[in-house]
C-alpha atoms as a PDB file:
ATOM      1  CA  MET A   1      -0.018   0.048  -0.012  1.00  0.00           C
ATOM      2  CA  ASN A   2       1.453   3.239  -1.118  1.00  0.00           C
ATOM      3  CA  HIS A   3       1.408   6.254   1.191  1.00  0.00           C
ATOM      4  CA  GLU A   4       1.851   9.556  -0.447  1.00  0.00           C
ATOM      5  CA  PRO A   5       3.806  12.067   1.583  1.00  0.00           C
ATOM      6  CA  ALA A   6       1.716  14.733   3.189  1.00  0.00           C
ATOM      7  CA  PRO A   7       2.034  18.127   1.553  1.00  0.00           C
ATOM      8  CA  GLU A   8       4.504  20.269   3.353  1.00  0.00           C
ATOM      9  CA  GLU A   9       3.001  23.249   5.177  1.00  0.00           C
ATOM     10  CA  ASP A  10       3.992  26.557   3.670  1.00  0.00           C
ATOM     11  CA  THR A  11       5.707  28.458   6.455  1.00  0.00           C
ATOM     12  CA  LYS A  12       7.278  31.040   4.214  1.00  0.00           C
ATOM     13  CA  ALA A  13       6.469  34.644   4.887  1.00  0.00           C
ATOM     14  CA  PRO A  14       4.738  36.459   2.110  1.00  0.00           C
ATOM     15  CA  GLU A  15       6.916  37.729  -0.669  1.00  0.00           C
ATOM     16  CA  SER A  16       6.192  41.365   0.472  1.00  0.00           C
ATOM     17  CA  GLY A  17       8.079  40.564   3.709  1.00  0.00           C
ATOM     18  CA  ARG A  18       5.075  41.531   5.845  1.00  0.00           C
ATOM     19  CA  VAL A  19       3.888  39.297   8.648  1.00  0.00           C
ATOM     20  CA  PRO A  20       0.171  38.355   8.256  1.00  0.00           C
ATOM     21  CA  GLY A  21      -2.019  40.433  10.500  1.00  0.00           C
ATOM     22  CA  VAL A  22       0.314  43.437  10.786  1.00  0.00           C
ATOM     23  CA  GLU A  23      -2.133  45.631   9.014  1.00  0.00           C
ATOM     24  CA  ALA A  24      -4.575  45.153  11.793  1.00  0.00           C
ATOM     25  CA  ILE A  25      -2.331  46.563  14.509  1.00  0.00           C
ATOM     26  CA  PRO A  26      -3.215  50.226  14.025  1.00  0.00           C
ATOM     27  CA  GLU A  27      -6.854  49.395  14.441  1.00  0.00           C
ATOM     28  CA  LEU A  28      -6.220  47.324  17.519  1.00  0.00           C
ATOM     29  CA  LEU A  29      -4.212  50.196  19.086  1.00  0.00           C
ATOM     30  CA  GLU A  30      -7.013  52.569  18.301  1.00  0.00           C
ATOM     31  CA  ARG A  31      -9.476  50.253  19.998  1.00  0.00           C
ATOM     32  CA  MET A  32      -7.213  50.023  23.083  1.00  0.00           C
ATOM     33  CA  ASP A  33      -7.028  53.788  23.301  1.00  0.00           C
ATOM     34  CA  SER A  34     -10.848  53.908  23.184  1.00  0.00           C
ATOM     35  CA  VAL A  35     -11.138  51.317  25.958  1.00  0.00           C
ATOM     36  CA  GLU A  36      -8.599  53.120  28.139  1.00  0.00           C
ATOM     37  CA  GLU A  37     -10.381  56.416  27.627  1.00  0.00           C
ATOM     38  CA  LEU A  38     -13.695  54.837  28.542  1.00  0.00           C
ATOM     39  CA  ALA A  39     -12.263  53.100  31.695  1.00  0.00           C
ATOM     40  CA  ALA A  40     -10.626  56.397  32.836  1.00  0.00           C
ATOM     41  CA  GLY A  41     -13.870  58.233  32.352  1.00  0.00           C
ATOM     42  CA  LEU A  42     -15.830  55.614  34.267  1.00  0.00           C
ATOM     43  CA  PHE A  43     -13.347  55.593  37.176  1.00  0.00           C
ATOM     44  CA  GLU A  44     -13.453  59.403  37.364  1.00  0.00           C
ATOM     45  CA  GLU A  45     -17.210  59.514  37.263  1.00  0.00           C
ATOM     46  CA  ILE A  46     -17.633  56.799  39.911  1.00  0.00           C
ATOM     47  CA  SER A  47     -15.013  58.146  42.292  1.00  0.00           C
ATOM     48  CA  SER A  48     -15.424  61.862  41.950  1.00  0.00           C
ATOM     49  CA  PHE A  49     -18.954  62.801  41.050  1.00  0.00           C
ATOM     50  CA  PRO A  50     -22.358  62.453  42.785  1.00  0.00           C
ATOM     51  CA  VAL A  51     -25.214  60.254  41.684  1.00  0.00           C
ATOM     52  CA  GLY A  52     -26.529  61.760  38.473  1.00  0.00           C
ATOM     53  CA  GLY A  53     -23.041  62.533  37.189  1.00  0.00           C
ATOM     54  CA  PRO A  54     -21.028  65.726  37.047  1.00  0.00           C
ATOM     55  CA  TRP A  55     -23.747  67.682  35.207  1.00  0.00           C
ATOM     56  CA  PHE A  56     -26.677  67.109  37.627  1.00  0.00           C
ATOM     57  CA  TRP A  57     -26.797  70.615  39.134  1.00  0.00           C
ATOM     58  CA  ALA A  58     -29.008  69.611  42.150  1.00  0.00           C
ATOM     59  CA  GLU A  59     -26.422  67.158  43.483  1.00  0.00           C
ATOM     60  CA  LEU A  60     -23.199  69.238  43.026  1.00  0.00           C
ATOM     61  CA  ASN A  61     -21.238  70.596  45.870  1.00  0.00           C
ATOM     62  CA  PRO A  62     -20.136  74.296  45.668  1.00  0.00           C
ATOM     63  CA  GLU A  63     -16.779  73.523  44.148  1.00  0.00           C
ATOM     64  CA  GLN A  64     -18.203  71.175  41.517  1.00  0.00           C
ATOM     65  CA  ALA A  65     -20.955  73.675  40.709  1.00  0.00           C
ATOM     66  CA  ARG A  66     -18.352  76.455  40.283  1.00  0.00           C
ATOM     67  CA  ASN A  67     -16.362  74.337  37.934  1.00  0.00           C
ATOM     68  CA  LEU A  68     -19.431  73.439  35.886  1.00  0.00           C
ATOM     69  CA  TRP A  69     -20.518  77.084  35.694  1.00  0.00           C
ATOM     70  CA  ALA A  70     -17.027  77.968  34.303  1.00  0.00           C
ATOM     71  CA  GLU A  71     -17.199  75.165  31.786  1.00  0.00           C
ATOM     72  CA  LEU A  72     -20.743  76.014  30.708  1.00  0.00           C
ATOM     73  CA  ASP A  73     -19.868  79.690  30.326  1.00  0.00           C
ATOM     74  CA  GLY A  74     -16.994  78.866  28.028  1.00  0.00           C
ATOM     75  CA  PHE A  75     -19.301  76.590  25.966  1.00  0.00           C
ATOM     76  CA  VAL A  76     -22.120  79.091  25.627  1.00  0.00           C
ATOM     77  CA  VAL A  77     -19.741  81.955  24.684  1.00  0.00           C
ATOM     78  CA  TRP A  78     -18.190  79.689  22.026  1.00  0.00           C
ATOM     79  CA  LEU A  79     -21.626  78.589  20.777  1.00  0.00           C
ATOM     80  CA  GLN A  80     -22.938  82.121  20.425  1.00  0.00           C
ATOM     81  CA  ASN A  81     -19.832  83.599  18.869  1.00  0.00           C
ATOM     82  CA  ARG A  82     -18.910  80.720  16.609  1.00  0.00           C
ATOM     83  CA  ILE A  83     -22.309  79.554  15.359  1.00  0.00           C
ATOM     84  CA  LEU A  84     -25.454  81.425  16.500  1.00  0.00           C
ATOM     85  CA  ARG A  85     -24.511  85.113  15.939  1.00  0.00           C
ATOM     86  CA  HIS A  86     -24.051  84.480  12.258  1.00  0.00           C
ATOM     87  CA  SER A  87     -27.871  83.938  11.945  1.00  0.00           C
ATOM     88  CA  SER A  88     -29.725  87.059  10.799  1.00  0.00           C
ATOM     89  CA  ASN A  89     -32.558  86.058  13.121  1.00  0.00           C
ATOM     90  CA  SER A  90     -31.692  87.279  16.641  1.00  0.00           C
ATOM     91  CA  ALA A  91     -34.382  85.106  18.040  1.00  0.00           C
ATOM     92  CA  GLY A  92     -31.977  82.240  17.790  1.00  0.00           C
ATOM     93  CA  TRP A  93     -29.200  84.122  19.765  1.00  0.00           C
ATOM     94  CA  ILE A  94     -28.210  83.620  23.363  1.00  0.00           C
ATOM     95  CA  PRO A  95     -28.166  86.888  25.491  1.00  0.00           C
ATOM     96  CA  ALA A  96     -25.495  87.710  28.017  1.00  0.00           C
ATOM     97  CA  CYS A  97     -27.899  87.008  30.880  1.00  0.00           C
ATOM     98  CA  TRP A  98     -28.449  83.292  29.902  1.00  0.00           C
ATOM     99  CA  TYR A  99     -27.253  82.110  33.275  1.00  0.00           C
ATOM    100  CA  ARG A 100     -30.141  83.817  35.039  1.00  0.00           C
ATOM    101  CA  HIS A 101     -32.647  81.601  33.248  1.00  0.00           C
ATOM    102  CA  PRO A 102     -32.769  78.199  34.999  1.00  0.00           C
ATOM    103  CA  ASP A 103     -34.502  76.413  32.139  1.00  0.00           C
ATOM    104  CA  ALA A 104     -31.856  77.638  29.701  1.00  0.00           C
ATOM    105  CA  VAL A 105     -29.087  76.519  32.079  1.00  0.00           C
ATOM    106  CA  GLU A 106     -30.405  73.008  32.134  1.00  0.00           C
ATOM    107  CA  LEU A 107     -30.959  72.824  28.387  1.00  0.00           C
ATOM    108  CA  LEU A 108     -27.537  74.354  27.585  1.00  0.00           C
ATOM    109  CA  THR A 109     -25.857  71.965  29.994  1.00  0.00           C
ATOM    110  CA  ALA A 110     -27.430  69.032  28.179  1.00  0.00           C
ATOM    111  CA  LEU A 111     -26.319  70.544  24.911  1.00  0.00           C
ATOM    112  CA  MET A 112     -22.751  70.937  26.127  1.00  0.00           C
ATOM    113  CA  VAL A 113     -22.662  67.282  27.280  1.00  0.00           C
ATOM    114  CA  ALA A 114     -23.872  66.088  23.915  1.00  0.00           C
ATOM    115  CA  HIS A 115     -21.198  68.239  22.239  1.00  0.00           C
ATOM    116  CA  LYS A 116     -18.528  66.704  24.433  1.00  0.00           C
ATOM    117  CA  ALA A 117     -19.723  63.193  23.430  1.00  0.00           C
ATOM    118  CA  ALA A 118     -19.691  64.057  19.741  1.00  0.00           C
ATOM    119  CA  TYR A 119     -16.488  66.076  19.441  1.00  0.00           C
ATOM    120  CA  ARG A 120     -14.069  64.643  22.093  1.00  0.00           C
ATOM    121  CA  SER A 121     -13.859  61.030  20.877  1.00  0.00           C
ATOM    122  CA  LYS A 122     -10.337  59.937  19.939  1.00  0.00           C
ATOM    123  CA  SER A 123     -11.601  57.787  17.125  1.00  0.00           C
ATOM    124  CA  ALA A 124     -10.212  58.817  13.722  1.00  0.00           C
ATOM    125  CA  LYS A 125     -12.902  57.017  11.810  1.00  0.00           C
ATOM    126  CA  PRO A 126     -15.305  59.130   9.809  1.00  0.00           C
ATOM    127  CA  GLY A 127     -18.812  59.146  11.189  1.00  0.00           C
ATOM    128  CA  PHE A 128     -22.055  61.028  11.557  1.00  0.00           C
ATOM    129  CA  GLU A 129     -21.622  62.107  15.251  1.00  0.00           C
ATOM    130  CA  LEU A 130     -20.827  65.689  14.391  1.00  0.00           C
ATOM    131  CA  THR A 131     -23.671  66.319  12.035  1.00  0.00           C
ATOM    132  CA  GLU A 132     -26.039  64.551  14.456  1.00  0.00           C
ATOM    133  CA  TRP A 133     -25.036  66.937  17.138  1.00  0.00           C
ATOM    134  CA  PHE A 134     -26.363  69.717  15.013  1.00  0.00           C
ATOM    135  CA  SER A 135     -29.485  68.050  13.787  1.00  0.00           C
ATOM    136  CA  ARG A 136     -30.451  66.160  16.969  1.00  0.00           C
ATOM    137  CA  ALA A 137     -29.103  68.451  19.696  1.00  0.00           C
ATOM    138  CA  LEU A 138     -28.242  72.015  18.736  1.00  0.00           C
ATOM    139  CA  TRP A 139     -31.194  73.023  16.503  1.00  0.00           C
ATOM    140  CA  PRO A 140     -33.878  71.240  18.595  1.00  0.00           C
ATOM    141  CA  THR A 141     -32.518  72.949  21.724  1.00  0.00           C
ATOM    142  CA  MET A 142     -32.547  76.388  20.139  1.00  0.00           C
ATOM    143  CA  GLU A 143     -36.014  75.794  18.749  1.00  0.00           C
ATOM    144  CA  SER A 144     -37.233  74.825  22.250  1.00  0.00           C
ATOM    145  CA  LEU A 145     -35.806  77.974  23.753  1.00  0.00           C
ATOM    146  CA  SER A 146     -37.437  80.031  20.953  1.00  0.00           C
ATOM    147  CA  GLN A 147     -40.819  78.391  21.352  1.00  0.00           C
ATOM    148  CA  ARG A 148     -40.674  78.880  25.131  1.00  0.00           C
ATOM    149  CA  MET A 149     -39.667  82.519  24.504  1.00  0.00           C
ATOM    150  CA  THR A 150     -37.022  82.111  27.159  1.00  0.00           C
ATOM    151  CA  PHE A 151     -34.882  84.951  25.955  1.00  0.00           C
ATOM    152  CA  LYS A 152     -37.525  87.010  24.139  1.00  0.00           C
ATOM    153  CA  ASN A 153     -37.819  89.913  26.527  1.00  0.00           C
ATOM    154  CA  CYS A 154     -34.113  89.997  27.236  1.00  0.00           C
ATOM    155  CA  MET A 155     -33.223  90.178  23.519  1.00  0.00           C
ATOM    156  CA  GLU A 156     -35.877  92.865  22.847  1.00  0.00           C
ATOM    157  CA  GLY A 157     -34.954  94.995  25.811  1.00  0.00           C
ATOM    158  CA  GLN A 158     -31.176  94.440  25.512  1.00  0.00           C
ATOM    159  CA  GLY A 159     -31.079  93.546  29.235  1.00  0.00           C
ATOM    160  CA  HIS A 160     -32.218  90.873  31.641  1.00  0.00           C
ATOM    161  CA  PHE A 161     -35.977  90.661  32.313  1.00  0.00           C
ATOM    162  CA  ASP A 162     -37.419  88.166  34.685  1.00  0.00           C
ATOM    163  CA  ALA A 163     -40.397  86.170  33.416  1.00  0.00           C
ATOM    164  CA  THR A 164     -43.601  88.143  33.568  1.00  0.00           C
ATOM    165  CA  SER A 165     -45.304  85.272  35.423  1.00  0.00           C
ATOM    166  CA  PRO A 166     -43.592  83.031  38.044  1.00  0.00           C
ATOM    167  CA  GLY A 167     -45.449  80.093  36.511  1.00  0.00           C
ATOM    168  CA  LEU A 168     -46.718  77.070  38.391  1.00  0.00           C
ATOM    169  CA  GLU A 169     -44.365  75.792  41.049  1.00  0.00           C
ATOM    170  CA  LEU A 170     -44.799  72.277  42.402  1.00  0.00           C
ATOM    171  CA  THR A 171     -43.943  71.024  45.840  1.00  0.00           C
ATOM    172  CA  ALA A 172     -42.340  67.636  46.318  1.00  0.00           C
ATOM    173  CA  ALA A 173     -44.266  65.152  48.469  1.00  0.00           C
ATOM    174  CA  SER A 174     -47.327  67.282  48.928  1.00  0.00           C
ATOM    175  CA  PRO A 175     -49.985  65.992  51.334  1.00  0.00           C
ATOM    176  CA  HIS A 176     -52.349  65.113  48.470  1.00  0.00           C
ATOM    177  CA  PHE A 177     -49.581  63.295  46.617  1.00  0.00           C
ATOM    178  CA  THR A 178     -48.452  61.426  49.721  1.00  0.00           C
ATOM    179  CA  ALA A 179     -52.035  60.325  50.485  1.00  0.00           C
ATOM    180  CA  PHE A 180     -52.451  59.149  46.838  1.00  0.00           C
ATOM    181  CA  VAL A 181     -49.300  57.080  46.941  1.00  0.00           C
ATOM    182  CA  ALA A 182     -50.294  55.515  50.264  1.00  0.00           C
ATOM    183  CA  ASP A 183     -53.756  54.535  48.689  1.00  0.00           C
ATOM    184  CA  GLU A 184     -52.128  53.218  45.594  1.00  0.00           C
ATOM    185  CA  THR A 185     -49.432  51.150  47.280  1.00  0.00           C
ATOM    186  CA  GLY A 186     -51.003  50.398  50.629  1.00  0.00           C
ATOM    187  CA  VAL A 187     -47.810  51.541  52.291  1.00  0.00           C
ATOM    188  CA  ALA A 188     -47.651  54.698  54.404  1.00  0.00           C
ATOM    189  CA  ASP A 189     -44.798  57.114  53.875  1.00  0.00           C
ATOM    190  CA  SER A 190     -42.230  56.724  56.633  1.00  0.00           C
ATOM    191  CA  GLY A 191     -40.605  59.977  55.891  1.00  0.00           C
ATOM    192  CA  ASP A 192     -37.310  58.320  54.891  1.00  0.00           C
ATOM    193  CA  THR A 193     -38.144  57.898  51.226  1.00  0.00           C
ATOM    194  CA  ALA A 194     -35.498  59.546  48.994  1.00  0.00           C
ATOM    195  CA  ARG A 195     -37.092  62.178  46.816  1.00  0.00           C
ATOM    196  CA  VAL A 196     -35.845  64.185  43.952  1.00  0.00           C
ATOM    197  CA  PRO A 197     -35.346  67.818  44.922  1.00  0.00           C
ATOM    198  CA  ALA A 198     -38.098  70.156  43.826  1.00  0.00           C
ATOM    199  CA  ASP A 199     -35.570  72.236  41.809  1.00  0.00           C
ATOM    200  CA  ALA A 200     -33.988  69.321  40.120  1.00  0.00           C
END
């Protein structure tokens, strides 16, 4: 019985002299950078910031709030000067007194966070994150401020004007609400239940 010799395994390197798989190294290094960035961000958030993250105004201590005010101020000035002021419609501008409008502060904070997510990634791959920030974050936010007329009086009067009406203000854990929850759940409020602050 004849046994043909098994074909020899080709162990020669490609003629180009390149080791197979080398071309994948840059992508692997990029992925490692992304993982390291994510891990560092998670560690910082878990160890340094309160529940709700570093942008939840209601839970920040004075130093954290001061830092966030400074960061938000820089972002708003950049936003107005770089993008918004070039519109001929001043209804889409942000006045100098923006920080005296609590609703605008919350919306602009969210807009800034979305901007950080879109623009500060280390990935060099082309994507839609930047255009999505404009279409899904910036313009809807500015449209919301316009519809709410948050800055209308301030822009028209060239100075800060408080809202003509204080609006409806709710109180957390009102007696009627507490009674309703007790009826719905069959459990009386012990007074220890954690509640979201009224101004959150």
